[in-house]
């Protein structure tokens, strides 16, 4: 049995968190953009 920590678990987790955060930020920005476009169109 190994006693040392396997750093690859943490590296993969960090990449997964980064990918999920990027996707969440992209979705949030896209939804905000659509809402702003709707507000702009209603103002015309």
C-alpha atoms as a PDB file:
ATOM      1  CA  UNK A   1       0.000   0.000   0.000  1.00  0.00           C
ATOM      2  CA  UNK A   2       1.276   3.459  -0.917  1.00  0.00           C
ATOM      3  CA  UNK A   3       1.480   6.176   1.693  1.00  0.00           C
ATOM      4  CA  UNK A   4       2.406   9.013  -0.672  1.00  0.00           C
ATOM      5  CA  UNK A   5      -0.281  11.299  -2.049  1.00  0.00           C
ATOM      6  CA  UNK A   6      -0.948  11.034  -5.752  1.00  0.00           C
ATOM      7  CA  UNK A   7      -0.775  14.565  -7.145  1.00  0.00           C
ATOM      8  CA  UNK A   8      -2.546  13.625 -10.385  1.00  0.00           C
ATOM      9  CA  UNK A   9      -5.848  13.356  -8.542  1.00  0.00           C
ATOM     10  CA  UNK A  10      -5.537  17.005  -7.554  1.00  0.00           C
ATOM     11  CA  UNK A  11      -4.339  18.069 -11.010  1.00  0.00           C
ATOM     12  CA  UNK A  12      -7.334  16.407 -12.678  1.00  0.00           C
ATOM     13  CA  UNK A  13      -9.683  17.925 -10.098  1.00  0.00           C
ATOM     14  CA  UNK A  14      -8.221  21.385 -10.720  1.00  0.00           C
ATOM     15  CA  UNK A  15      -8.732  21.010 -14.477  1.00  0.00           C
ATOM     16  CA  UNK A  16     -12.308  19.812 -13.901  1.00  0.00           C
ATOM     17  CA  UNK A  17     -13.107  22.762 -11.633  1.00  0.00           C
ATOM     18  CA  UNK A  18     -11.594  25.164 -14.160  1.00  0.00           C
ATOM     19  CA  UNK A  19     -13.576  23.652 -17.045  1.00  0.00           C
ATOM     20  CA  UNK A  20     -16.843  23.767 -15.093  1.00  0.00           C
ATOM     21  CA  UNK A  21     -16.230  27.345 -13.977  1.00  0.00           C
ATOM     22  CA  UNK A  22     -15.479  28.369 -17.568  1.00  0.00           C
ATOM     23  CA  UNK A  23     -18.679  26.749 -18.820  1.00  0.00           C
ATOM     24  CA  UNK A  24     -20.709  28.369 -16.033  1.00  0.00           C
ATOM     25  CA  UNK A  25     -19.244  31.804 -16.775  1.00  0.00           C
ATOM     26  CA  UNK A  26     -19.924  31.376 -20.488  1.00  0.00           C
ATOM     27  CA  UNK A  27     -23.548  30.386 -19.853  1.00  0.00           C
ATOM     28  CA  UNK A  28     -24.040  33.271 -17.410  1.00  0.00           C
ATOM     29  CA  UNK A  29     -22.584  35.766 -19.894  1.00  0.00           C
ATOM     30  CA  UNK A  30     -24.727  34.408 -22.730  1.00  0.00           C
ATOM     31  CA  UNK A  31     -27.897  34.673 -20.638  1.00  0.00           C
ATOM     32  CA  UNK A  32     -26.986  38.212 -19.579  1.00  0.00           C
ATOM     33  CA  UNK A  33     -26.357  39.150 -23.209  1.00  0.00           C
ATOM     34  CA  UNK A  34     -29.761  37.800 -24.260  1.00  0.00           C
ATOM     35  CA  UNK A  35     -31.477  39.714 -21.458  1.00  0.00           C
ATOM     36  CA  UNK A  36     -29.701  42.928 -22.477  1.00  0.00           C
ATOM     37  CA  UNK A  37     -30.747  42.432 -26.094  1.00  0.00           C
ATOM     38  CA  UNK A  38     -34.376  41.936 -25.000  1.00  0.00           C
ATOM     39  CA  UNK A  39     -34.234  45.131 -22.924  1.00  0.00           C
ATOM     40  CA  UNK A  40     -32.737  47.003 -25.874  1.00  0.00           C
ATOM     41  CA  UNK A  41     -35.436  45.736 -28.262  1.00  0.00           C
ATOM     42  CA  UNK A  42     -38.227  46.681 -25.835  1.00  0.00           C
ATOM     43  CA  UNK A  43     -36.801  50.185 -25.581  1.00  0.00           C
ATOM     44  CA  UNK A  44     -37.164  50.815 -29.297  1.00  0.00           C
END
